Amino acid sequence: MAEQAGGDSACPECDDLKVKLAAALNIGDRSKAVDYRVLLRRHPHHDDTPIASERKHP
């Protein structure tokens, strides 16, 4: 599994993509956010683990 206890990623590439995803969401760049989610899903550590959406529902 890609996640260690405590939710910390075991992969520096995953960590980098998550930081970039958060930054894209913070500036409202939804296109880039989708790109980073796709990259996270395609990363070998995520073959069977979906990446949770950061979307907030009212």
Protein backbone atom coordinates (compact mmCIF):
# COMPACT_ATOMS: atom_id res chain seq x y z
CA MET A 1 0.00 0.00 0.00
CA ALA A 2 1.25 3.50 -0.78
CA GLU A 3 0.20 5.04 2.52
CA GLN A 4 1.99 4.43 5.78
CA ALA A 5 0.37 4.64 9.21
CA GLY A 6 -0.59 8.23 9.95
CA GLY A 7 -1.41 8.98 6.31
CA ASP A 8 2.14 9.87 5.26
CA SER A 9 3.07 8.78 1.76
CA ALA A 10 5.98 6.40 1.31
CA CYS A 11 6.73 7.94 -2.09
CA PRO A 12 8.38 11.34 -2.64
CA GLU A 13 6.80 11.60 -6.11
CA CYS A 14 3.33 11.10 -4.61
CA ASP A 15 4.07 13.76 -2.00
CA ASP A 16 5.18 16.20 -4.70
CA LEU A 17 2.06 15.56 -6.79
CA LYS A 18 -0.18 16.03 -3.72
CA VAL A 19 1.47 19.38 -2.96
CA LYS A 20 1.00 20.50 -6.56
CA LEU A 21 -2.63 19.31 -6.48
CA ALA A 22 -3.30 21.32 -3.33
CA ALA A 23 -1.65 24.41 -4.85
CA ALA A 24 -3.76 24.12 -8.01
CA LEU A 25 -6.92 23.82 -5.92
CA ASN A 26 -5.92 26.83 -3.79
CA ILE A 27 -5.57 29.08 -6.83
CA GLY A 28 -8.71 27.69 -8.45
CA ASP A 29 -6.95 26.02 -11.40
CA ARG A 30 -9.34 23.12 -11.82
CA SER A 31 -7.70 21.95 -15.06
CA LYS A 32 -4.31 21.51 -13.38
CA ALA A 33 -5.99 19.85 -10.39
CA VAL A 34 -7.52 17.25 -12.69
CA ASP A 35 -4.13 16.70 -14.32
CA TYR A 36 -2.49 16.05 -10.94
CA ARG A 37 -5.28 13.69 -9.88
CA VAL A 38 -4.77 11.71 -13.11
CA LEU A 39 -1.02 11.55 -12.51
CA LEU A 40 -1.61 10.33 -8.95
CA ARG A 41 -4.02 7.65 -10.15
CA ARG A 42 -1.62 6.50 -12.85
CA HIS A 43 1.32 6.34 -10.47
CA PRO A 44 2.27 2.70 -9.79
CA HIS A 45 1.39 2.97 -6.09
CA HIS A 46 -2.21 3.85 -6.96
CA ASP A 47 -3.18 0.97 -9.22
CA ASP A 48 -5.87 -0.18 -6.80
CA THR A 49 -6.32 2.87 -4.56
CA PRO A 50 -8.47 5.78 -5.76
CA ILE A 51 -7.40 9.31 -4.90
CA ALA A 52 -10.03 11.05 -2.81
CA SER A 53 -11.63 14.12 -4.30
CA GLU A 54 -10.87 17.44 -2.62
CA ARG A 55 -14.27 18.74 -3.73
CA LYS A 56 -16.39 20.29 -1.03
CA HIS A 57 -20.13 19.70 -1.32
CA PRO A 58 -22.50 22.31 0.18
